[in-house]
Amino acid sequence: MTHRVALVVAALAAAALVVAPGPVRAPGRPAVAPAVTDAWPGARISTVPGNLPGGAVFAPLSPDLRAGESGGRLVVDGSVVREGPAQYALAATSLVWLERGTGLFRMADSVAELITADIGNVVVLESQYDVVVHDDHVSWAAAGPEGSTEIRTVALTGGAVETVVLQGKLALTEWPYATSAEIEQGGPSTLVDVRTAARTVVHGQSFELIDCTPSWCRVQVLRQGGSARLDLMRPDGTERRRVGGSGLRPAVPDVLLLDRFAVLVDDSRGALCLYDVDRGQLADLASSFGTVVARGNAVWWSTGDNTALTWHTIDVGEL
């Protein structure tokens, strides 16, 4: 799971019964997955230095690797945009970000412009949906009173913040939906339409951790001492399929990129993997990796240490 900064920026109904998981296969030799460049001959993995000219570590926060964090500073194209104790994370397609305790910002003519300081107690899961840009507006979730969640929305040009209060601890997912934020608790998950407050309950067993978008849910089936398997399914419980066994776990918070690709770690082989829902194909991205980030149409990961860091990136939209 990424150890990136905790501030995030963005790019940017009926109940369903989950099918009970089938028997877990007896452990055997770990399956060998093809390299992503073999599974998709046109796949390209690019690399960029992870240190700025002065040697400071640069942690990319945008899919094109142009913008990132370095020593508490927000850096875009080599220039410092914001400096101070705040932490940053950027969206897939828009330079819009939140600074906890300060406000919501955007880039305007190479200058950081405050959109609003009325941000509340922001909910951050280090997901690409922590802040969502849509219809010339920005939305994010904030913790509300007595276990409720506030979905806050403001125009990109600023103005009054509109707040929708929803019951339960929620986080934003693909707009206009929110989903259960307590993904480390077993049992059912919830999808909520922010516009109408309509709820869809995705039922799960007490030994299942379920994390959903409106299109797909990731299900980690637990057993004593750890995970037994990892599945994907539709929110209505259909199209459930086993992705892998006990060695497989999510590498990033988001269920899928582009509603198609899951970014995973296979601990049994020490590999960073990509699973294609359309093909039912698991392929290896890397056998050595440190920090892993996935956002928009890109996955990027680090190798090396702070004195000689390298970032590797792949555009899954090209696969």
Foldseek 3Di string as FASTA:
>chain_A
DFPAWQWAEAVVAAAAEADDDDDFDDDDADDDAAAPCVVPVVWDKDKDWQADPVLWGWDAQEQVSQWTDTPQFTGGNRHTADHDNWGWHYYHHFQWIATPQAAIWGADPNHTDGQDRPDEAQDTPLANQQWYDDPQKIWHWHQDPPAKIWIWMAGVNHDDIDIDIAHHAWTDDPPPWIKHPPQVFAFKIWIARSVPRHIYIQTGDRQWRWDDDQAKIKIFGADPPATAFIWMAHSNNPPIDTLGGGQKDALGDDQAAPSFWGWIARNSQQFTWIAGSVVSHIHTHDNAFDGWDDHHQKIKTWDDDSSTIMIMMIRNVVD
